[in-house]
Protein backbone atom coordinates (compact mmCIF):
# COMPACT_ATOMS: atom_id res chain seq x y z
CA MET A 1 0.00 0.00 0.00
CA ARG A 2 1.96 3.00 -1.28
CA ARG A 3 1.08 6.28 0.40
CA GLN A 4 2.59 9.76 0.13
CA VAL A 5 4.78 11.20 2.89
CA LEU A 6 6.08 14.69 2.07
CA GLY A 7 5.54 13.92 -1.58
CA VAL A 8 7.44 10.61 -1.51
CA GLY A 9 5.71 7.27 -1.96
CA VAL A 10 6.22 4.84 0.93
CA ASP A 11 4.95 1.25 0.98
CA PHE A 12 3.30 0.66 4.34
CA LEU A 13 3.15 -3.13 4.65
CA ASP A 14 3.17 -5.67 7.43
CA ALA A 15 6.17 -7.97 7.79
CA GLU A 16 4.51 -10.85 5.94
CA GLN A 17 3.56 -8.67 3.00
CA ALA A 18 7.07 -7.24 2.77
CA GLU A 19 8.57 -10.73 2.83
CA GLU A 20 6.26 -11.86 0.02
CA ARG A 21 7.23 -8.89 -2.15
CA LEU A 22 10.95 -9.42 -1.60
CA HIS A 23 10.75 -13.11 -2.48
CA ALA A 24 8.76 -12.30 -5.60
CA PHE A 25 11.51 -9.89 -6.67
CA LEU A 26 14.17 -12.57 -6.19
CA ALA A 27 12.36 -14.77 -8.71
CA GLY A 28 13.63 -12.66 -11.63
CA GLY A 29 13.73 -9.31 -13.37
CA THR A 30 15.43 -6.25 -11.88
CA HIS A 31 14.04 -4.60 -8.76
CA LEU A 32 15.15 -1.82 -6.43
CA VAL A 33 14.27 -1.58 -2.75
CA ALA A 34 14.82 1.51 -0.62
CA THR A 35 14.71 1.48 3.17
CA ALA A 36 13.55 4.94 4.19
CA ASN A 37 14.03 6.85 7.41
CA ALA A 38 12.87 10.35 8.35
CA GLU A 39 16.14 11.95 7.27
CA MET A 40 15.88 10.43 3.79
CA LEU A 41 12.28 11.53 3.24
CA PHE A 42 12.91 15.01 4.60
CA ARG A 43 15.83 15.39 2.22
CA ALA A 44 13.90 13.96 -0.73
CA ALA A 45 11.27 16.66 -0.28
CA ARG A 46 14.03 19.14 -1.18
CA ASP A 47 16.23 17.01 -3.45
CA PRO A 48 14.61 16.21 -6.82
CA LYS A 49 17.28 13.66 -7.73
CA LEU A 50 16.74 11.68 -4.54
CA ALA A 51 12.97 11.97 -4.92
CA ALA A 52 13.24 10.61 -8.48
CA ALA A 53 15.42 7.71 -7.30
CA LEU A 54 12.89 6.78 -4.62
CA ALA A 55 10.03 7.05 -7.11
CA ALA A 56 11.90 4.60 -9.35
CA ALA A 57 12.19 2.02 -6.54
CA ASP A 58 9.84 -0.96 -6.66
CA LEU A 59 9.51 -0.90 -2.90
CA VAL A 60 10.13 1.91 -0.39
CA LEU A 61 9.94 0.45 3.09
CA PRO A 62 9.51 2.36 6.40
CA ASP A 63 12.85 1.63 8.04
CA GLY A 64 12.77 4.44 10.60
CA ALA A 65 10.44 5.01 13.54
CA GLY A 66 9.81 8.53 12.26
CA VAL A 67 8.38 7.17 9.01
CA VAL A 68 6.06 4.80 10.87
CA LEU A 69 4.91 7.73 13.03
CA ALA A 70 4.31 9.79 9.89
CA GLY A 71 2.09 7.04 8.50
CA ARG A 72 -0.03 7.09 11.64
CA LEU A 73 -0.24 10.89 11.74
CA LEU A 74 -1.38 10.94 8.13
CA GLY A 75 -4.07 8.34 8.79
CA TYR A 76 -2.52 5.41 6.92
CA GLY A 77 -2.88 2.97 9.82
CA ARG A 78 -0.58 1.28 12.31
CA PHE A 79 2.09 -0.47 10.31
CA PRO A 80 5.35 -1.85 11.71
CA ARG A 81 8.83 -0.52 11.22
CA LEU A 82 10.70 -2.74 8.75
CA PRO A 83 14.45 -2.34 9.41
CA GLY A 84 16.55 -2.92 6.32
CA VAL A 85 19.33 -4.57 8.32
CA GLU A 86 16.91 -7.23 9.59
CA LEU A 87 15.28 -7.85 6.23
CA ALA A 88 18.69 -8.14 4.57
CA GLU A 89 20.01 -10.59 7.14
CA ALA A 90 16.88 -12.74 6.85
CA LEU A 91 17.37 -12.99 3.08
CA LEU A 92 21.07 -13.74 3.50
CA ALA A 93 20.28 -16.55 5.92
CA GLU A 94 18.14 -18.18 3.22
CA GLY A 95 21.22 -18.72 1.06
CA HIS A 96 20.53 -16.43 -1.89
CA PRO A 97 23.78 -15.62 -3.76
CA THR A 98 24.65 -12.14 -2.52
CA PHE A 99 27.06 -9.35 -3.39
CA LEU A 100 28.02 -6.89 -0.63
CA LEU A 101 28.97 -3.42 -1.82
CA GLY A 102 29.83 -0.56 0.50
CA GLY A 103 31.69 0.61 3.56
CA ARG A 104 35.33 1.45 3.99
CA PRO A 105 37.99 -0.90 2.58
CA GLY A 106 37.73 -4.27 4.32
CA VAL A 107 34.24 -3.75 5.78
CA ALA A 108 32.30 -5.73 3.15
CA ALA A 109 34.76 -8.64 3.36
CA ALA A 110 34.57 -8.63 7.16
CA ALA A 111 30.78 -8.52 6.97
CA ALA A 112 30.82 -11.60 4.74
CA GLU A 113 33.01 -13.50 7.21
CA HIS A 114 30.84 -12.63 10.19
CA LEU A 115 27.64 -13.49 8.35
CA VAL A 116 28.95 -16.92 7.37
CA GLU A 117 29.84 -17.52 11.03
CA ARG A 118 26.28 -16.69 12.09
CA HIS A 119 24.42 -18.43 9.27
CA ARG A 120 25.78 -21.53 7.57
CA ALA A 121 23.59 -20.99 4.51
CA VAL A 122 25.01 -17.55 3.64
CA ARG A 123 26.45 -17.40 0.09
CA VAL A 124 28.42 -14.23 -0.54
CA VAL A 125 29.57 -14.32 -4.17
CA GLY A 126 31.46 -11.03 -4.13
CA THR A 127 32.36 -7.93 -2.13
CA ALA A 128 33.59 -4.43 -2.93
CA GLN A 129 34.31 -1.38 -0.81
CA GLY A 130 32.16 1.70 -1.23
CA TYR A 131 34.84 4.38 -1.54
CA PHE A 132 35.29 3.94 -5.27
CA THR A 133 35.84 6.86 -7.63
CA ARG A 134 33.91 7.63 -10.78
CA ALA A 135 36.83 6.23 -12.76
CA GLU A 136 36.58 2.96 -10.83
CA GLU A 137 32.81 2.68 -11.19
CA SER A 138 32.85 0.56 -14.36
CA ALA A 139 35.07 -1.99 -12.62
CA VAL A 140 32.58 -2.21 -9.75
CA LEU A 141 29.69 -2.74 -12.17
CA ASP A 142 31.69 -5.42 -14.00
CA ALA A 143 32.45 -7.20 -10.71
CA VAL A 144 28.76 -7.32 -9.80
CA ARG A 145 27.74 -8.57 -13.24
CA ARG A 146 30.40 -11.32 -13.22
CA ALA A 147 29.31 -12.49 -9.78
CA ALA A 148 25.66 -12.66 -10.99
CA PRO A 149 24.07 -12.36 -7.52
CA ALA A 150 20.36 -12.68 -6.86
CA LEU A 151 20.70 -10.13 -4.06
CA LEU A 152 22.82 -6.98 -4.03
CA LEU A 153 23.16 -5.10 -0.74
CA VAL A 154 24.49 -1.58 -1.22
CA GLY A 155 25.73 0.45 1.72
CA LEU A 156 26.95 3.71 0.21
CA GLY A 157 24.96 5.97 2.52
CA SER A 158 21.97 8.06 1.52
CA PRO A 159 21.39 9.72 -0.88
CA ARG A 160 24.32 8.25 -2.81
CA GLN A 161 23.14 4.63 -2.69
CA GLU A 162 19.60 5.44 -3.89
CA ARG A 163 20.84 7.62 -6.74
CA TRP A 164 23.53 5.09 -7.70
CA LEU A 165 21.14 2.16 -7.80
CA ALA A 166 18.57 4.07 -9.84
CA ALA A 167 21.24 5.18 -12.32
CA HIS A 168 22.72 1.68 -12.78
CA ARG A 169 19.67 -0.53 -12.39
CA GLU A 170 19.80 -2.02 -15.87
CA ALA A 171 23.59 -2.24 -16.00
CA LEU A 172 23.60 -4.24 -12.76
CA GLY A 173 20.84 -6.59 -13.86
CA VAL A 174 20.27 -7.90 -10.32
CA PRO A 175 16.86 -9.37 -9.35
CA LEU A 176 16.87 -7.58 -5.99
CA ALA A 177 19.11 -4.61 -5.17
CA MET A 178 18.60 -2.98 -1.79
CA GLY A 179 20.11 0.11 -0.22
CA VAL A 180 21.09 -0.77 3.33
CA GLY A 181 22.95 2.28 4.66
CA GLY A 182 25.29 1.28 7.48
CA ALA A 183 24.15 -2.36 7.67
CA LEU A 184 27.49 -3.67 6.42
CA ASP A 185 29.25 -2.02 9.36
CA VAL A 186 26.76 -3.77 11.65
CA PHE A 187 27.31 -7.13 9.93
CA ALA A 188 31.08 -6.62 10.19
CA GLY A 189 30.85 -5.98 13.92
CA ARG A 190 32.13 -2.40 13.55
CA VAL A 191 28.92 -0.78 14.82
CA PRO A 192 26.63 -2.37 17.46
CA ARG A 193 22.87 -2.61 16.98
CA ALA A 194 20.49 -1.18 19.51
CA PRO A 195 18.82 -3.60 21.95
CA ALA A 196 15.65 -5.08 20.48
CA TRP A 197 13.41 -3.27 23.01
CA MET A 198 14.72 0.12 21.85
CA GLY A 199 13.83 -0.76 18.28
CA ARG A 200 10.34 -1.82 19.33
CA VAL A 201 9.62 1.49 21.08
CA GLY A 202 11.19 3.64 18.38
CA LEU A 203 14.34 4.67 20.28
CA GLU A 204 17.00 3.09 18.08
CA TRP A 205 17.97 6.59 16.93
CA LEU A 206 18.87 7.45 20.56
CA PHE A 207 21.14 4.39 20.82
CA ARG A 208 22.87 5.34 17.56
CA LEU A 209 23.42 8.84 18.89
CA ALA A 210 24.93 7.43 22.09
CA VAL A 211 27.43 5.18 20.26
CA GLN A 212 28.09 7.68 17.43
CA PRO A 213 27.85 11.17 18.97
CA ARG A 214 28.94 12.78 15.71
CA ARG A 215 25.44 12.00 14.41
CA TRP A 216 23.87 14.66 16.66
CA ARG A 217 23.28 17.11 13.83
CA ARG A 218 21.47 14.44 11.84
CA SER A 219 19.18 13.68 14.80
CA LEU A 220 17.84 17.24 14.60
CA VAL A 221 16.04 16.29 11.39
CA LEU A 222 13.45 14.18 13.24
CA PRO A 223 11.53 17.04 14.92
CA ALA A 224 11.66 19.04 11.68
CA PHE A 225 10.34 16.01 9.79
CA VAL A 226 7.46 15.48 12.23
CA TRP A 227 6.55 19.18 12.03
CA ALA A 228 6.53 18.98 8.21
CA VAL A 229 4.27 15.90 8.37
CA LEU A 230 1.87 17.69 10.74
CA ARG A 231 1.73 20.61 8.33
CA GLU A 232 1.00 18.18 5.50
CA ARG A 233 -1.80 16.62 7.54
CA GLY A 234 -3.24 20.06 8.21
CA LYS A 235 -3.29 20.88 4.50
CA GLY A 236 -5.06 17.59 3.81
CA ARG A 237 -7.80 18.47 6.22
């Protein structure tokens, strides 16, 4: 069920519906999945290129608690938060051939090692670091095509990963390509995840701020995002 949040379409689904859509994508074709938080949507409302990249995605999932709150404020119903890191790990554990792209040098390779330790079925068919230059881009695309993954997880940070995936969708030719932000750092053990209870009550952002204080400026987006959503609701009425 795609609904508009600050002019950006978001698919508010339950976990079962999201899982069905992702598995359908893996069956063939080329599909893009974006995992949206409040910061991404707030920026997209002012960044036409990011907005276009999100509009081109086959699925835009509510990754952040702020997006879930926006859905409720706008009258779309009570849908769960669908964290990209959890969805990605669930797919990895099913054994789909996967390419990990992103992070600083060594992060994707470390993520692959840690994932194999946690899940015997994991099949990582290739890795590449995310700090590649424009001149190196063709080599990255070639590496992905040669590996022929069913699942491509891209952690280049937003908005770069959304724009990059939209620009190279056909060249990549991957059934399911998903932007996962900092998930590779989590998989590699470089960044801890918040306790499950904090995720359930929408406080994962506070945990991230505690372990990465340099994110404090980014956290200021949330109240601005909520205010913008309330203004949008007021206009609708």
